[in-house]
Amino acid sequence: MRIRAATPGDADVIAEVFIASFGTLTFLPQLHTDAETFDFIANKVVGEQEVLVAERHGGIVGFLAMTHGNFLEHMYVHPDSQGRGVGSALLMRAKQRMPDGFRLWLFQQNTQARRFYERHGLRAIEFTEGAGNEEQMPDALYEWRPGT
């Protein structure tokens, strides 16, 4: 597996990974069309955030997006590649890039993600009823600090 910086030309494949992975979260309402998601990934994610992609056999199988405020905004692995170390490798890279620590939001019902992050030393520091996210679904703020 290779992890590298994303380029603008990767945006469509990153969007495909996002759509496939986000689609497994069946408890969420579908608020956006695929076209809107492609536009969002190209302009707001790849265009404005630091994005790394994980490649396996020449194809992108996962990505993460970080902001300068030490937030892990997005981390998604294609469902066909989950459970194969892709997420762990991406998260390790996030820890290297943000060595003073970082935070991320995730949906409380996403128990698979919660277990994954907790296994990797992140801890929940806040729970909300979802008023701050567009899905209006209960979420949780997780944090990683060095030494944890």
N, C-alpha and C. Protein backbone atom coordinates (compact mmCIF):
# COMPACT_ATOMS: atom_id res chain seq x y z
N MET A 1 0.84 -1.17 0.00
CA MET A 1 0.00 0.00 0.00
C MET A 1 0.89 1.24 0.00
N ARG A 2 0.45 2.22 -0.70
CA ARG A 2 1.18 3.48 -0.80
C ARG A 2 0.25 4.61 -0.36
N ILE A 3 0.77 5.52 0.46
CA ILE A 3 0.02 6.72 0.85
C ILE A 3 0.74 7.92 0.27
N ARG A 4 -0.03 8.77 -0.39
CA ARG A 4 0.55 9.95 -1.04
C ARG A 4 -0.42 11.11 -0.97
N ALA A 5 0.10 12.29 -1.27
CA ALA A 5 -0.75 13.49 -1.33
C ALA A 5 -1.69 13.37 -2.53
N ALA A 6 -2.92 13.78 -2.34
CA ALA A 6 -3.89 13.78 -3.43
C ALA A 6 -3.60 14.92 -4.39
N THR A 7 -4.00 14.72 -5.63
CA THR A 7 -3.92 15.76 -6.64
C THR A 7 -5.34 16.10 -7.08
N PRO A 8 -5.54 17.24 -7.72
CA PRO A 8 -6.89 17.56 -8.21
C PRO A 8 -7.45 16.47 -9.13
N GLY A 9 -6.60 15.78 -9.85
CA GLY A 9 -7.05 14.71 -10.73
C GLY A 9 -7.59 13.49 -10.00
N ASP A 10 -7.35 13.41 -8.70
CA ASP A 10 -7.85 12.29 -7.89
C ASP A 10 -9.27 12.51 -7.38
N ALA A 11 -9.80 13.70 -7.55
CA ALA A 11 -11.06 14.07 -6.90
C ALA A 11 -12.20 13.12 -7.24
N ASP A 12 -12.34 12.71 -8.49
CA ASP A 12 -13.45 11.83 -8.85
C ASP A 12 -13.36 10.47 -8.16
N VAL A 13 -12.15 9.91 -8.10
CA VAL A 13 -12.00 8.60 -7.45
C VAL A 13 -12.20 8.75 -5.94
N ILE A 14 -11.72 9.84 -5.36
CA ILE A 14 -11.95 10.09 -3.94
C ILE A 14 -13.45 10.18 -3.67
N ALA A 15 -14.17 10.87 -4.54
CA ALA A 15 -15.62 10.98 -4.38
C ALA A 15 -16.28 9.60 -4.47
N GLU A 16 -15.80 8.75 -5.35
CA GLU A 16 -16.36 7.39 -5.47
C GLU A 16 -16.14 6.60 -4.18
N VAL A 17 -14.95 6.74 -3.59
CA VAL A 17 -14.67 6.06 -2.31
C VAL A 17 -15.60 6.61 -1.23
N PHE A 18 -15.75 7.93 -1.19
CA PHE A 18 -16.62 8.57 -0.21
C PHE A 18 -18.06 8.06 -0.35
N ILE A 19 -18.58 8.06 -1.56
CA ILE A 19 -19.96 7.64 -1.81
C ILE A 19 -20.17 6.18 -1.41
N ALA A 20 -19.22 5.32 -1.77
CA ALA A 20 -19.35 3.90 -1.43
C ALA A 20 -19.30 3.69 0.08
N SER A 21 -18.38 4.36 0.75
CA SER A 21 -18.23 4.19 2.19
C SER A 21 -19.40 4.83 2.94
N PHE A 22 -19.75 6.04 2.58
CA PHE A 22 -20.85 6.75 3.23
C PHE A 22 -22.16 5.98 3.03
N GLY A 23 -22.28 5.31 1.91
CA GLY A 23 -23.48 4.53 1.61
C GLY A 23 -23.70 3.36 2.56
N THR A 24 -22.65 2.93 3.25
CA THR A 24 -22.81 1.84 4.21
C THR A 24 -23.45 2.32 5.51
N LEU A 25 -23.51 3.64 5.69
CA LEU A 25 -24.11 4.20 6.90
C LEU A 25 -25.61 4.34 6.67
N THR A 26 -26.29 3.21 6.68
CA THR A 26 -27.69 3.14 6.28
C THR A 26 -28.63 3.88 7.21
N PHE A 27 -28.18 4.27 8.38
CA PHE A 27 -29.00 5.02 9.32
C PHE A 27 -29.10 6.50 8.97
N LEU A 28 -28.28 6.96 8.02
CA LEU A 28 -28.27 8.38 7.65
C LEU A 28 -29.24 8.68 6.52
N PRO A 29 -29.85 9.86 6.55
CA PRO A 29 -30.67 10.27 5.41
C PRO A 29 -29.75 10.63 4.24
N GLN A 30 -30.21 10.40 3.03
CA GLN A 30 -29.43 10.78 1.86
C GLN A 30 -29.82 12.21 1.49
N LEU A 31 -28.91 13.14 1.72
CA LEU A 31 -29.20 14.56 1.53
C LEU A 31 -28.66 15.12 0.24
N HIS A 32 -27.71 14.42 -0.39
CA HIS A 32 -27.04 14.96 -1.56
C HIS A 32 -27.02 13.95 -2.71
N THR A 33 -27.09 14.47 -3.91
CA THR A 33 -26.94 13.64 -5.09
C THR A 33 -25.47 13.29 -5.27
N ASP A 34 -25.20 12.28 -6.07
CA ASP A 34 -23.80 11.96 -6.36
C ASP A 34 -23.11 13.14 -7.02
N ALA A 35 -23.80 13.87 -7.89
CA ALA A 35 -23.19 15.03 -8.56
C ALA A 35 -22.80 16.09 -7.53
N GLU A 36 -23.64 16.32 -6.54
CA GLU A 36 -23.31 17.29 -5.49
C GLU A 36 -22.10 16.81 -4.69
N THR A 37 -22.02 15.52 -4.45
CA THR A 37 -20.89 14.97 -3.71
C THR A 37 -19.60 15.12 -4.50
N PHE A 38 -19.64 14.83 -5.80
CA PHE A 38 -18.45 15.01 -6.63
C PHE A 38 -17.98 16.46 -6.58
N ASP A 39 -18.90 17.40 -6.66
CA ASP A 39 -18.55 18.82 -6.61
C ASP A 39 -17.96 19.18 -5.24
N PHE A 40 -18.57 18.69 -4.18
CA PHE A 40 -18.08 18.95 -2.82
C PHE A 40 -16.66 18.43 -2.64
N ILE A 41 -16.42 17.20 -3.06
CA ILE A 41 -15.09 16.60 -2.89
C ILE A 41 -14.06 17.40 -3.69
N ALA A 42 -14.37 17.73 -4.94
CA ALA A 42 -13.41 18.45 -5.79
C ALA A 42 -13.11 19.85 -5.26
N ASN A 43 -14.14 20.57 -4.86
CA ASN A 43 -13.96 21.98 -4.51
C ASN A 43 -13.68 22.23 -3.04
N LYS A 44 -14.36 21.55 -2.16
CA LYS A 44 -14.22 21.83 -0.73
C LYS A 44 -13.23 20.91 -0.02
N VAL A 45 -13.10 19.69 -0.49
CA VAL A 45 -12.20 18.76 0.17
C VAL A 45 -10.82 18.83 -0.49
N VAL A 46 -10.72 18.35 -1.72
CA VAL A 46 -9.41 18.36 -2.41
C VAL A 46 -8.94 19.79 -2.64
N GLY A 47 -9.88 20.69 -2.91
CA GLY A 47 -9.53 22.08 -3.19
C GLY A 47 -9.08 22.89 -2.00
N GLU A 48 -9.50 22.52 -0.78
CA GLU A 48 -9.23 23.37 0.38
C GLU A 48 -8.55 22.68 1.55
N GLN A 49 -8.47 21.36 1.55
CA GLN A 49 -7.90 20.65 2.69
C GLN A 49 -6.67 19.86 2.26
N GLU A 50 -5.88 19.46 3.24
CA GLU A 50 -4.76 18.57 2.96
C GLU A 50 -5.31 17.15 2.88
N VAL A 51 -5.20 16.54 1.71
CA VAL A 51 -5.79 15.23 1.48
C VAL A 51 -4.70 14.23 1.12
N LEU A 52 -4.75 13.09 1.78
CA LEU A 52 -3.86 11.98 1.47
C LEU A 52 -4.71 10.82 0.99
N VAL A 53 -4.19 10.08 0.03
CA VAL A 53 -4.90 8.91 -0.48
C VAL A 53 -4.06 7.66 -0.21
N ALA A 54 -4.77 6.56 0.00
CA ALA A 54 -4.13 5.25 0.12
C ALA A 54 -4.39 4.51 -1.18
N GLU A 55 -3.31 4.03 -1.78
CA GLU A 55 -3.42 3.28 -3.03
C GLU A 55 -3.00 1.83 -2.80
N ARG A 56 -3.74 0.97 -3.44
CA ARG A 56 -3.38 -0.45 -3.43
C ARG A 56 -3.57 -0.94 -4.86
N HIS A 57 -2.56 -1.60 -5.39
CA HIS A 57 -2.60 -2.11 -6.77
C HIS A 57 -2.93 -1.00 -7.77
N GLY A 58 -2.40 0.20 -7.51
CA GLY A 58 -2.56 1.32 -8.43
C GLY A 58 -3.88 2.05 -8.34
N GLY A 59 -4.77 1.64 -7.46
CA GLY A 59 -6.06 2.31 -7.33
C GLY A 59 -6.26 2.90 -5.94
N ILE A 60 -6.98 4.00 -5.84
CA ILE A 60 -7.25 4.64 -4.56
C ILE A 60 -8.32 3.84 -3.82
N VAL A 61 -7.99 3.43 -2.59
CA VAL A 61 -8.91 2.63 -1.78
C VAL A 61 -9.35 3.34 -0.51
N GLY A 62 -8.75 4.50 -0.23
CA GLY A 62 -9.12 5.25 0.96
C GLY A 62 -8.50 6.63 0.91
N PHE A 63 -9.01 7.51 1.77
CA PHE A 63 -8.44 8.85 1.85
C PHE A 63 -8.72 9.45 3.21
N LEU A 64 -7.96 10.48 3.53
CA LEU A 64 -8.24 11.31 4.69
C LEU A 64 -8.04 12.75 4.29
N ALA A 65 -8.74 13.63 4.98
CA ALA A 65 -8.63 15.07 4.73
C ALA A 65 -8.47 15.77 6.07
N MET A 66 -7.46 16.64 6.15
CA MET A 66 -7.14 17.35 7.38
C MET A 66 -7.21 18.85 7.13
N THR A 67 -7.55 19.59 8.19
CA THR A 67 -7.50 21.05 8.11
C THR A 67 -6.35 21.54 8.97
N HIS A 68 -6.01 22.77 8.76
CA HIS A 68 -4.88 23.34 9.51
C HIS A 68 -5.21 23.54 10.98
N GLY A 69 -6.48 23.48 11.35
CA GLY A 69 -6.87 23.63 12.74
C GLY A 69 -6.81 22.32 13.51
N ASN A 70 -6.02 21.37 13.02
CA ASN A 70 -5.87 20.06 13.68
C ASN A 70 -7.19 19.31 13.79
N PHE A 71 -7.92 19.28 12.69
CA PHE A 71 -9.15 18.51 12.61
C PHE A 71 -9.01 17.48 11.50
N LEU A 72 -9.36 16.27 11.80
CA LEU A 72 -9.46 15.23 10.78
C LEU A 72 -10.89 15.32 10.27
N GLU A 73 -11.06 15.95 9.13
CA GLU A 73 -12.39 16.24 8.60
C GLU A 73 -13.06 15.01 7.99
N HIS A 74 -12.28 14.21 7.29
CA HIS A 74 -12.82 13.04 6.60
C HIS A 74 -11.79 11.92 6.63
N MET A 75 -12.26 10.71 6.83
CA MET A 75 -11.43 9.54 6.60
C MET A 75 -12.38 8.41 6.20
N TYR A 76 -12.22 7.97 4.97
CA TYR A 76 -13.10 6.93 4.44
C TYR A 76 -12.27 5.90 3.70
N VAL A 77 -12.66 4.65 3.85
CA VAL A 77 -12.04 3.53 3.16
C VAL A 77 -13.15 2.84 2.37
N HIS A 78 -12.86 2.50 1.13
CA HIS A 78 -13.85 1.81 0.31
C HIS A 78 -14.26 0.52 1.03
N PRO A 79 -15.56 0.20 1.04
CA PRO A 79 -16.02 -1.01 1.75
C PRO A 79 -15.27 -2.29 1.34
N ASP A 80 -14.85 -2.40 0.09
CA ASP A 80 -14.12 -3.59 -0.36
C ASP A 80 -12.73 -3.69 0.25
N SER A 81 -12.22 -2.59 0.81
CA SER A 81 -10.87 -2.58 1.38
C SER A 81 -10.86 -2.42 2.89
N GLN A 82 -12.02 -2.37 3.52
CA GLN A 82 -12.06 -2.24 4.97
C GLN A 82 -11.57 -3.52 5.63
N GLY A 83 -10.95 -3.36 6.78
CA GLY A 83 -10.44 -4.51 7.52
C GLY A 83 -9.12 -5.03 6.99
N ARG A 84 -8.45 -4.24 6.15
CA ARG A 84 -7.18 -4.67 5.55
C ARG A 84 -6.01 -3.74 5.86
N GLY A 85 -6.16 -2.91 6.90
CA GLY A 85 -5.07 -2.05 7.33
C GLY A 85 -5.02 -0.68 6.68
N VAL A 86 -5.94 -0.40 5.78
CA VAL A 86 -5.93 0.90 5.08
C VAL A 86 -6.22 2.02 6.07
N GLY A 87 -7.29 1.88 6.84
CA GLY A 87 -7.65 2.91 7.81
C GLY A 87 -6.56 3.12 8.85
N SER A 88 -5.97 2.03 9.32
CA SER A 88 -4.89 2.14 10.31
C SER A 88 -3.70 2.89 9.74
N ALA A 89 -3.34 2.61 8.49
CA ALA A 89 -2.21 3.30 7.86
C ALA A 89 -2.52 4.78 7.67
N LEU A 90 -3.74 5.10 7.25
CA LEU A 90 -4.12 6.51 7.09
C LEU A 90 -4.12 7.23 8.44
N LEU A 91 -4.66 6.59 9.46
CA LEU A 91 -4.70 7.22 10.77
C LEU A 91 -3.30 7.44 11.33
N MET A 92 -2.39 6.49 11.10
CA MET A 92 -1.01 6.67 11.53
C MET A 92 -0.40 7.90 10.86
N ARG A 93 -0.70 8.08 9.59
CA ARG A 93 -0.20 9.25 8.86
C ARG A 93 -0.80 10.54 9.42
N ALA A 94 -2.07 10.52 9.80
CA ALA A 94 -2.69 11.70 10.41
C ALA A 94 -1.98 12.05 11.71
N LYS A 95 -1.64 11.03 12.51
CA LYS A 95 -0.93 11.28 13.76
C LYS A 95 0.45 11.87 13.50
N GLN A 96 1.11 11.45 12.43
CA GLN A 96 2.40 12.02 12.08
C GLN A 96 2.27 13.46 11.62
N ARG A 97 1.22 13.76 10.84
CA ARG A 97 1.01 15.10 10.31
C ARG A 97 0.51 16.09 11.35
N MET A 98 -0.18 15.58 12.38
CA MET A 98 -0.72 16.43 13.44
C MET A 98 -0.22 15.91 14.79
N PRO A 99 1.10 16.00 15.03
CA PRO A 99 1.69 15.35 16.20
C PRO A 99 1.25 15.93 17.54
N ASP A 100 0.66 17.11 17.55
CA ASP A 100 0.19 17.70 18.80
C ASP A 100 -1.22 17.24 19.14
N GLY A 101 -1.82 16.47 18.26
CA GLY A 101 -3.15 15.94 18.49
C GLY A 101 -4.16 16.49 17.51
N PHE A 102 -5.32 15.87 17.47
CA PHE A 102 -6.39 16.30 16.57
C PHE A 102 -7.73 15.81 17.08
N ARG A 103 -8.76 16.34 16.46
CA ARG A 103 -10.13 15.96 16.79
C ARG A 103 -10.86 15.56 15.52
N LEU A 104 -11.95 14.83 15.71
CA LEU A 104 -12.83 14.47 14.59
C LEU A 104 -14.23 14.22 15.12
N TRP A 105 -15.20 14.44 14.25
CA TRP A 105 -16.59 14.13 14.56
C TRP A 105 -16.98 12.84 13.86
N LEU A 106 -17.83 12.07 14.52
CA LEU A 106 -18.43 10.91 13.87
C LEU A 106 -19.82 10.69 14.44
N PHE A 107 -20.61 9.95 13.72
CA PHE A 107 -21.98 9.70 14.16
C PHE A 107 -21.98 8.65 15.26
N GLN A 108 -22.77 8.89 16.29
CA GLN A 108 -22.81 7.95 17.42
C GLN A 108 -23.22 6.55 16.98
N GLN A 109 -24.08 6.44 15.99
CA GLN A 109 -24.53 5.12 15.53
C GLN A 109 -23.47 4.37 14.72
N ASN A 110 -22.39 5.04 14.35
CA ASN A 110 -21.34 4.39 13.57
C ASN A 110 -20.42 3.63 14.53
N THR A 111 -20.94 2.53 15.05
CA THR A 111 -20.20 1.77 16.06
C THR A 111 -18.91 1.19 15.52
N GLN A 112 -18.87 0.85 14.25
CA GLN A 112 -17.64 0.31 13.66
C GLN A 112 -16.53 1.36 13.72
N ALA A 113 -16.84 2.60 13.35
CA ALA A 113 -15.85 3.67 13.39
C ALA A 113 -15.46 3.99 14.83
N ARG A 114 -16.42 4.00 15.72
CA ARG A 114 -16.10 4.30 17.11
C ARG A 114 -15.12 3.27 17.68
N ARG A 115 -15.39 1.99 17.41
CA ARG A 115 -14.46 0.94 17.88
C ARG A 115 -13.09 1.12 17.26
N PHE A 116 -13.04 1.42 15.96
CA PHE A 116 -11.77 1.61 15.26
C PHE A 116 -10.96 2.72 15.92
N TYR A 117 -11.56 3.89 16.08
CA TYR A 117 -10.83 5.02 16.65
C TYR A 117 -10.43 4.77 18.10
N GLU A 118 -11.30 4.17 18.88
CA GLU A 118 -10.96 3.87 20.27
C GLU A 118 -9.80 2.88 20.35
N ARG A 119 -9.76 1.91 19.45
CA ARG A 119 -8.65 0.95 19.39
C ARG A 119 -7.33 1.66 19.09
N HIS A 120 -7.42 2.79 18.39
CA HIS A 120 -6.22 3.53 18.00
C HIS A 120 -5.94 4.73 18.90
N GLY A 121 -6.50 4.72 20.11
CA GLY A 121 -6.12 5.71 21.11
C GLY A 121 -6.93 6.99 21.13
N LEU A 122 -7.98 7.10 20.35
CA LEU A 122 -8.83 8.28 20.43
C LEU A 122 -9.89 8.05 21.50
N ARG A 123 -10.38 9.14 22.06
CA ARG A 123 -11.43 9.00 23.06
C ARG A 123 -12.52 10.04 22.80
N ALA A 124 -13.74 9.66 23.13
CA ALA A 124 -14.88 10.56 22.99
C ALA A 124 -14.81 11.61 24.08
N ILE A 125 -14.97 12.88 23.68
CA ILE A 125 -14.92 13.97 24.67
C ILE A 125 -16.21 14.78 24.70
N GLU A 126 -17.10 14.56 23.72
CA GLU A 126 -18.36 15.28 23.71
C GLU A 126 -19.38 14.50 22.88
N PHE A 127 -20.62 14.51 23.34
CA PHE A 127 -21.72 13.89 22.61
C PHE A 127 -22.79 14.95 22.39
N THR A 128 -23.36 14.98 21.19
CA THR A 128 -24.43 15.94 20.91
C THR A 128 -25.62 15.20 20.30
N GLU A 129 -26.72 15.88 20.23
CA GLU A 129 -27.92 15.33 19.61
C GLU A 129 -27.95 15.56 18.10
N GLY A 130 -26.91 16.20 17.55
CA GLY A 130 -26.81 16.35 16.10
C GLY A 130 -27.23 17.70 15.56
N ALA A 131 -27.50 18.67 16.40
CA ALA A 131 -27.94 19.98 15.92
C ALA A 131 -26.88 20.66 15.05
N GLY A 132 -25.62 20.28 15.20
CA GLY A 132 -24.54 20.92 14.46
C GLY A 132 -24.18 20.25 13.15
N ASN A 133 -24.86 19.16 12.78
CA ASN A 133 -24.55 18.51 11.50
C ASN A 133 -25.78 18.53 10.61
N GLU A 134 -25.56 18.50 9.32
CA GLU A 134 -26.68 18.65 8.40
C GLU A 134 -27.63 17.46 8.41
N GLU A 135 -27.16 16.31 8.84
CA GLU A 135 -28.02 15.14 8.92
C GLU A 135 -28.94 15.19 10.14
N GLN A 136 -28.59 16.06 11.10
CA GLN A 136 -29.35 16.18 12.36
C GLN A 136 -29.38 14.85 13.13
N MET A 137 -28.25 14.15 13.07
CA MET A 137 -28.11 12.86 13.75
C MET A 137 -27.12 13.00 14.91
N PRO A 138 -27.37 12.31 16.02
CA PRO A 138 -26.46 12.38 17.17
C PRO A 138 -25.02 12.05 16.75
N ASP A 139 -24.11 12.89 17.22
CA ASP A 139 -22.70 12.68 16.87
C ASP A 139 -21.83 12.76 18.12
N ALA A 140 -20.55 12.49 17.91
CA ALA A 140 -19.60 12.49 19.01
C ALA A 140 -18.29 13.11 18.53
N LEU A 141 -17.71 13.90 19.39
CA LEU A 141 -16.41 14.50 19.12
C LEU A 141 -15.35 13.62 19.76
N TYR A 142 -14.42 13.15 18.95
CA TYR A 142 -13.32 12.31 19.42
C TYR A 142 -12.02 13.10 19.35
N GLU A 143 -11.08 12.72 20.20
CA GLU A 143 -9.81 13.42 20.27
C GLU A 143 -8.67 12.42 20.41
N TRP A 144 -7.54 12.75 19.75
CA TRP A 144 -6.30 12.02 19.96
C TRP A 144 -5.26 13.01 20.44
N ARG A 145 -4.56 12.65 21.47
CA ARG A 145 -3.45 13.43 22.01
C ARG A 145 -2.23 12.51 22.06
N PRO A 146 -1.05 13.05 21.81
CA PRO A 146 0.16 12.22 21.87
C PRO A 146 0.29 11.52 23.24
N GLY A 147 0.79 10.33 23.20
CA GLY A 147 0.98 9.57 24.42
C GLY A 147 -0.24 8.75 24.81
N THR A 148 -1.31 8.85 23.98
CA THR A 148 -2.51 8.06 24.31
C THR A 148 -2.64 6.88 23.38
